[in-house]
C-alpha atoms as a PDB file:
ATOM      1  CA  MET A   1      69.932  92.548 105.052  1.00  0.00           C
ATOM      2  CA  ILE A   2      68.381  93.862 101.835  1.00  0.00           C
ATOM      3  CA  LEU A   3      64.831  95.100 102.400  1.00  0.00           C
ATOM      4  CA  SER A   4      64.271  96.460  98.901  1.00  0.00           C
ATOM      5  CA  GLY A   5      61.700  94.512  96.909  1.00  0.00           C
ATOM      6  CA  ARG A   6      59.990  93.087  99.986  1.00  0.00           C
ATOM      7  CA  ARG A   7      56.210  92.978  99.617  1.00  0.00           C
ATOM      8  CA  VAL A   8      54.302  94.962 102.242  1.00  0.00           C
ATOM      9  CA  LEU A   9      50.526  94.887 102.619  1.00  0.00           C
ATOM     10  CA  VAL A  10      49.095  98.298 103.520  1.00  0.00           C
ATOM     11  CA  VAL A  11      45.721  98.305 105.264  1.00  0.00           C
ATOM     12  CA  GLU A  12      44.511 101.889 105.749  1.00  0.00           C
ATOM     13  CA  ASP A  13      41.051 103.395 105.290  1.00  0.00           C
ATOM     14  CA  GLU A  14      42.056 107.067 105.154  1.00  0.00           C
ATOM     15  CA  TYR A  15      42.850 107.802 101.517  1.00  0.00           C
ATOM     16  CA  LEU A  16      45.486 110.496 102.039  1.00  0.00           C
ATOM     17  CA  VAL A  17      47.262 108.503 104.748  1.00  0.00           C
ATOM     18  CA  ALA A  18      47.265 105.412 102.496  1.00  0.00           C
ATOM     19  CA  LEU A  19      48.548 107.439  99.554  1.00  0.00           C
ATOM     20  CA  GLY A  20      51.388 108.927 101.606  1.00  0.00           C
ATOM     21  CA  LEU A  21      52.329 105.554 103.079  1.00  0.00           C
ATOM     22  CA  ASP A  22      52.278 103.934  99.637  1.00  0.00           C
ATOM     23  CA  ASP A  23      54.544 106.661  98.246  1.00  0.00           C
ATOM     24  CA  ASN A  24      56.911 106.470 101.216  1.00  0.00           C
ATOM     25  CA  LEU A  25      57.264 102.686 101.041  1.00  0.00           C
ATOM     26  CA  ARG A  26      57.831 102.696  97.281  1.00  0.00           C
ATOM     27  CA  SER A  27      60.535 105.354  97.675  1.00  0.00           C
ATOM     28  CA  LEU A  28      62.262 103.015 100.143  1.00  0.00           C
ATOM     29  CA  GLY A  29      62.201 100.207  97.584  1.00  0.00           C
ATOM     30  CA  TYR A  30      59.343  98.143  99.003  1.00  0.00           C
ATOM     31  CA  THR A  31      56.657  96.648  96.769  1.00  0.00           C
ATOM     32  CA  VAL A  32      53.291  97.778  98.112  1.00  0.00           C
ATOM     33  CA  VAL A  33      50.338  95.409  98.104  1.00  0.00           C
ATOM     34  CA  GLY A  34      47.160  97.469  98.315  1.00  0.00           C
ATOM     35  CA  PRO A  35      46.418  99.734  99.960  1.00  0.00           C
ATOM     36  CA  VAL A  36      43.183  98.115 101.058  1.00  0.00           C
ATOM     37  CA  ALA A  37      40.603 100.114 103.003  1.00  0.00           C
ATOM     38  CA  SER A  38      38.013  97.657 104.346  1.00  0.00           C
ATOM     39  CA  LEU A  39      38.093  94.757 106.766  1.00  0.00           C
ATOM     40  CA  ALA A  40      36.767  92.385 104.085  1.00  0.00           C
ATOM     41  CA  ALA A  41      39.557  93.357 101.696  1.00  0.00           C
ATOM     42  CA  ALA A  42      42.123  93.134 104.511  1.00  0.00           C
ATOM     43  CA  VAL A  43      41.004  89.607 105.410  1.00  0.00           C
ATOM     44  CA  THR A  44      41.143  88.547 101.760  1.00  0.00           C
ATOM     45  CA  ALA A  45      44.619  90.022 101.285  1.00  0.00           C
ATOM     46  CA  ALA A  46      45.894  88.602 104.586  1.00  0.00           C
ATOM     47  CA  SER A  47      44.637  85.166 103.533  1.00  0.00           C
ATOM     48  CA  SER A  48      45.901  85.068  99.976  1.00  0.00           C
ATOM     49  CA  GLU A  49      48.598  87.610  99.142  1.00  0.00           C
ATOM     50  CA  GLN A  50      52.270  86.668  99.056  1.00  0.00           C
ATOM     51  CA  ILE A  51      53.699  89.306 101.408  1.00  0.00           C
ATOM     52  CA  ASP A  52      56.673  89.759 103.700  1.00  0.00           C
ATOM     53  CA  ALA A  53      55.001  92.111 106.195  1.00  0.00           C
ATOM     54  CA  ALA A  54      51.929  94.273 106.763  1.00  0.00           C
ATOM     55  CA  ILE A  55      51.071  97.677 108.154  1.00  0.00           C
ATOM     56  CA  LEU A  56      47.591  97.616 109.689  1.00  0.00           C
ATOM     57  CA  ASP A  57      45.404 100.556 110.657  1.00  0.00           C
ATOM     58  CA  VAL A  58      43.623  99.376 113.813  1.00  0.00           C
ATOM     59  CA  ASN A  59      40.247 100.925 112.961  1.00  0.00           C
ATOM     60  CA  LEU A  60      38.828 100.429 109.475  1.00  0.00           C
ATOM     61  CA  ALA A  61      35.668 102.543 109.198  1.00  0.00           C
ATOM     62  CA  GLY A  62      34.630 101.447 112.683  1.00  0.00           C
ATOM     63  CA  GLU A  63      35.690  97.803 112.347  1.00  0.00           C
ATOM     64  CA  PRO A  64      38.767  96.506 114.190  1.00  0.00           C
ATOM     65  CA  VAL A  65      41.442  94.993 111.949  1.00  0.00           C
ATOM     66  CA  TYR A  66      42.123  92.111 114.368  1.00  0.00           C
ATOM     67  CA  PRO A  67      40.615  89.324 112.195  1.00  0.00           C
ATOM     68  CA  ALA A  68      43.136  90.180 109.455  1.00  0.00           C
ATOM     69  CA  ALA A  69      45.930  90.367 112.035  1.00  0.00           C
ATOM     70  CA  ALA A  70      45.004  86.904 113.311  1.00  0.00           C
ATOM     71  CA  ILE A  71      45.282  85.489 109.792  1.00  0.00           C
ATOM     72  CA  LEU A  72      48.684  87.118 109.313  1.00  0.00           C
ATOM     73  CA  ALA A  73      49.885  85.757 112.660  1.00  0.00           C
ATOM     74  CA  GLU A  74      48.667  82.267 111.721  1.00  0.00           C
ATOM     75  CA  ARG A  75      50.610  82.533 108.446  1.00  0.00           C
ATOM     76  CA  GLY A  76      53.743  83.726 110.269  1.00  0.00           C
ATOM     77  CA  ILE A  77      53.723  87.127 108.546  1.00  0.00           C
ATOM     78  CA  PRO A  78      54.910  89.974 110.784  1.00  0.00           C
ATOM     79  CA  PHE A  79      52.859  93.158 111.043  1.00  0.00           C
ATOM     80  CA  ILE A  80      52.726  96.577 112.635  1.00  0.00           C
ATOM     81  CA  PHE A  81      49.601  98.161 114.080  1.00  0.00           C
ATOM     82  CA  CYS A  82      49.103 101.879 113.407  1.00  0.00           C
ATOM     83  CA  SER A  83      46.505 103.922 115.226  1.00  0.00           C
ATOM     84  CA  GLY A  84      45.422 107.440 115.969  1.00  0.00           C
ATOM     85  CA  TYR A  85      43.713 106.167 119.125  1.00  0.00           C
ATOM     86  CA  THR A  86      46.820 106.025 121.292  1.00  0.00           C
ATOM     87  CA  GLY A  87      45.832 105.341 124.878  1.00  0.00           C
ATOM     88  CA  SER A  88      42.096 104.924 124.235  1.00  0.00           C
ATOM     89  CA  VAL A  89      41.786 101.378 122.866  1.00  0.00           C
ATOM     90  CA  ARG A  90      43.088  98.311 124.693  1.00  0.00           C
ATOM     91  CA  MET A  91      44.794  95.735 122.470  1.00  0.00           C
ATOM     92  CA  PRO A  92      43.454  92.162 122.575  1.00  0.00           C
ATOM     93  CA  ALA A  93      45.703  89.908 124.640  1.00  0.00           C
ATOM     94  CA  GLU A  94      46.904  87.920 121.620  1.00  0.00           C
ATOM     95  CA  PHE A  95      48.328  91.120 120.105  1.00  0.00           C
ATOM     96  CA  ALA A  96      49.717  92.720 123.264  1.00  0.00           C
ATOM     97  CA  ASP A  97      53.300  92.249 122.073  1.00  0.00           C
ATOM     98  CA  ALA A  98      52.720  93.262 118.450  1.00  0.00           C
ATOM     99  CA  PRO A  99      54.712  96.279 117.289  1.00  0.00           C
ATOM    100  CA  ARG A 100      52.701  99.473 117.015  1.00  0.00           C
ATOM    101  CA  VAL A 101      53.163 102.993 115.793  1.00  0.00           C
ATOM    102  CA  ALA A 102      51.044 105.933 116.917  1.00  0.00           C
ATOM    103  CA  LYS A 103      49.493 108.266 114.353  1.00  0.00           C
ATOM    104  CA  PRO A 104      50.442 110.735 113.227  1.00  0.00           C
ATOM    105  CA  TYR A 105      53.790 109.175 112.399  1.00  0.00           C
ATOM    106  CA  THR A 106      56.718 110.320 110.320  1.00  0.00           C
ATOM    107  CA  SER A 107      58.121 108.550 107.301  1.00  0.00           C
ATOM    108  CA  ARG A 108      61.273 107.794 109.298  1.00  0.00           C
ATOM    109  CA  VAL A 109      59.323 106.143 112.131  1.00  0.00           C
ATOM    110  CA  ILE A 110      57.492 103.864 109.690  1.00  0.00           C
ATOM    111  CA  ALA A 111      60.713 103.093 107.788  1.00  0.00           C
ATOM    112  CA  ASP A 112      62.563 102.199 110.997  1.00  0.00           C
ATOM    113  CA  ALA A 113      59.696 100.133 112.421  1.00  0.00           C
ATOM    114  CA  LEU A 114      59.282  98.205 109.178  1.00  0.00           C
ATOM    115  CA  ALA A 115      63.023  97.592 108.829  1.00  0.00           C
ATOM    116  CA  ASP A 116      63.122  96.316 112.426  1.00  0.00           C
ATOM    117  CA  LEU A 117      60.088  94.120 111.785  1.00  0.00           C
ATOM    118  CA  ILE A 118      61.329  92.534 108.570  1.00  0.00           C
ATOM    119  CA  GLY A 119      64.930  92.351 109.737  1.00  0.00           C
ATOM    120  CA  ALA A 120      63.905  90.733 113.034  1.00  0.00           C
ATOM    121  CA  GLY A 121      61.442  88.434 111.294  1.00  0.00           C
ATOM    122  CA  ALA A 122      63.907  86.966 108.802  1.00  0.00           C
ATOM    123  CA  GLY A 123      64.222  83.274 109.465  1.00  0.00           C
ATOM    124  CA  SER A 124      62.343  83.418 112.770  1.00  0.00           C
ATOM    125  CA  GLY A 125      59.331  81.442 111.640  1.00  0.00           C
ATOM    126  CA  GLY A 126      56.881  84.245 112.220  1.00  0.00           C
ATOM    127  CA  GLY A 127      54.817  84.815 115.300  1.00  0.00           C
ATOM    128  CA  SER A 128      52.101  87.209 116.325  1.00  0.00           C
ATOM    129  CA  GLY A 129      53.355  90.312 114.635  1.00  0.00           C
ATOM    130  CA  GLY A 130      56.714  90.146 116.326  1.00  0.00           C
ATOM    131  CA  GLY A 131      55.707  88.960 119.784  1.00  0.00           C
ATOM    132  CA  ASP A 132      58.597  86.522 120.193  1.00  0.00           C
ATOM    133  CA  ARG A 133      61.138  88.909 118.709  1.00  0.00           C
ATOM    134  CA  GLY A 134      60.665  91.842 121.038  1.00  0.00           C
ATOM    135  CA  ARG A 135      58.294  94.721 120.631  1.00  0.00           C
ATOM    136  CA  ARG A 136      58.974  98.086 119.036  1.00  0.00           C
ATOM    137  CA  ASN A 137      56.307 100.303 120.563  1.00  0.00           C
ATOM    138  CA  VAL A 138      56.368 103.874 119.391  1.00  0.00           C
ATOM    139  CA  SER A 139      53.254 104.811 121.353  1.00  0.00           C
ATOM    140  CA  ALA A 140      53.465 106.086 124.912  1.00  0.00           C
ATOM    141  CA  SER A 141      51.557 103.232 126.572  1.00  0.00           C
ATOM    142  CA  ASN A 142      50.360  99.659 126.192  1.00  0.00           C
ATOM    143  CA  ASP A 143      47.116 100.981 124.787  1.00  0.00           C
ATOM    144  CA  ILE A 144      46.691 102.050 121.187  1.00  0.00           C
END
């Protein structure tokens, strides 16, 4: 499967993390939408952008990203949660099976998780961030 050219929404409120993720994804051939740094911008992008997948920081300046994730799930767009709060924040039940990556992460971990997400999502009709396609959890627990 060719992943190059796929459009990926990046939702990240830490500027340097967003910049690094943007650079990494572009070097892999993805088209980056964003990055967006606020919940309002994430909700707008999740509602209206033509994207193939999304990478979502769980905490956006103190606001959980879950409203944007719910919109993506409703649209059938797969997503990955990223968080530096591994083990300290319980995921809402509707996102328990969503793929997640713990911060800090490496470029390779993000590349592999995104390739698994988009590759697994092709032709599946969507779902809640990958819930019906199996979960790739790079964190050590069910918490994030």
